[in-house]
Amino acid sequence: MEATCTAETLSTTCDTCPARMVCHCLQVTEDVLLRALDTMNLVSVKDICRHTGAGDGCTACHRRLRKYLDQRTALPMTQPSPSLSPI
């Protein structure tokens, strides 16, 4: 039987669930945060707060939000393939 997440079981320990909460106060999910990081130029926890609401409550999730930002900035920038470069 496959496990499913429900409102009662949803927590930060559900590593495979797109609805994993990153901010419990304001019910902001990891999916919402990752979409915002992918589509907006968010560079600080303050930016995340403004655009998603995450971290705007008790601030307990700020360290977690910072880790998401650090992971995004640690990703290597993709360079255009030389064969695709204009001549």
Protein backbone atom coordinates (compact mmCIF):
# COMPACT_ATOMS: atom_id res chain seq x y z
CA MET A 1 0.00 0.00 0.00
CA GLU A 2 1.39 3.39 -1.00
CA ALA A 3 1.56 6.10 1.66
CA THR A 4 -0.33 9.29 0.98
CA CYS A 5 -0.01 12.63 2.67
CA THR A 6 -3.00 14.08 4.40
CA ALA A 7 -3.47 17.24 6.39
CA GLU A 8 -2.92 15.19 9.56
CA THR A 9 0.33 13.54 8.40
CA LEU A 10 1.86 16.34 6.34
CA SER A 11 5.15 17.45 7.84
CA THR A 12 8.71 18.26 6.94
CA THR A 13 9.56 14.55 7.24
CA CYS A 14 7.59 13.72 4.09
CA ASP A 15 10.54 13.97 1.70
CA THR A 16 8.71 12.85 -1.45
CA CYS A 17 5.59 14.96 -1.07
CA PRO A 18 5.35 18.14 -3.20
CA ALA A 19 3.09 19.59 -0.52
CA ARG A 20 5.80 19.41 2.15
CA MET A 21 5.54 22.49 4.34
CA VAL A 22 8.49 24.85 4.47
CA CYS A 23 6.58 27.45 6.50
CA HIS A 24 4.07 26.01 8.93
CA CYS A 25 2.71 29.35 10.17
CA LEU A 26 1.54 30.45 6.74
CA GLN A 27 1.15 26.98 5.18
CA VAL A 28 3.63 27.60 2.34
CA THR A 29 4.66 24.39 0.62
CA GLU A 30 8.00 23.41 -0.84
CA ASP A 31 6.37 23.29 -4.27
CA VAL A 32 5.30 26.95 -4.00
CA LEU A 33 8.76 27.96 -2.78
CA LEU A 34 10.59 26.08 -5.54
CA ARG A 35 8.35 27.57 -8.23
CA ALA A 36 9.03 31.05 -6.88
CA LEU A 37 12.77 30.40 -6.80
CA ASP A 38 12.65 29.10 -10.38
CA THR A 39 10.59 31.97 -11.80
CA MET A 40 11.57 35.02 -9.76
CA ASN A 41 14.92 36.55 -8.97
CA LEU A 42 14.74 35.84 -5.23
CA VAL A 43 18.07 36.39 -3.50
CA SER A 44 17.14 36.77 0.16
CA VAL A 45 14.79 35.45 2.79
CA LYS A 46 13.12 38.86 2.69
CA ASP A 47 12.40 38.33 -1.04
CA ILE A 48 10.88 34.94 -0.25
CA CYS A 49 8.68 36.53 2.43
CA ARG A 50 7.45 39.21 0.04
CA HIS A 51 6.65 36.88 -2.84
CA THR A 52 5.44 33.69 -1.12
CA GLY A 53 4.58 34.70 2.43
CA ALA A 54 6.92 32.01 3.78
CA GLY A 55 8.90 33.20 6.78
CA ASP A 56 6.60 36.10 7.53
CA GLY A 57 5.20 34.54 10.72
CA CYS A 58 7.28 33.32 13.64
CA THR A 59 10.50 33.25 11.53
CA ALA A 60 11.39 29.72 12.69
CA CYS A 61 11.74 28.64 9.03
CA HIS A 62 14.26 31.33 8.05
CA ARG A 63 17.21 28.95 8.38
CA ARG A 64 15.42 26.41 6.14
CA LEU A 65 14.57 29.11 3.58
CA ARG A 66 18.21 30.24 3.55
CA LYS A 67 19.25 26.65 2.75
CA TYR A 68 16.94 26.63 -0.28
CA LEU A 69 18.49 29.91 -1.46
CA ASP A 70 22.00 28.58 -0.89
CA GLN A 71 21.21 25.42 -2.87
CA ARG A 72 19.91 27.51 -5.78
CA THR A 73 22.97 29.75 -5.88
CA ALA A 74 25.30 26.73 -5.63
CA LEU A 75 23.87 25.25 -8.84
CA PRO A 76 26.27 25.75 -11.75
CA MET A 77 25.14 28.21 -14.36
CA THR A 78 24.52 26.54 -17.69
CA GLN A 79 26.65 27.85 -20.50
CA PRO A 80 25.43 27.86 -24.08
CA SER A 81 26.82 25.07 -26.16
CA PRO A 82 29.62 26.28 -28.50
CA SER A 83 27.80 24.72 -31.44
CA LEU A 84 24.77 26.90 -30.68
CA SER A 85 26.67 30.15 -30.34
CA PRO A 86 26.07 32.74 -33.06
CA ILE A 87 29.00 33.28 -35.39
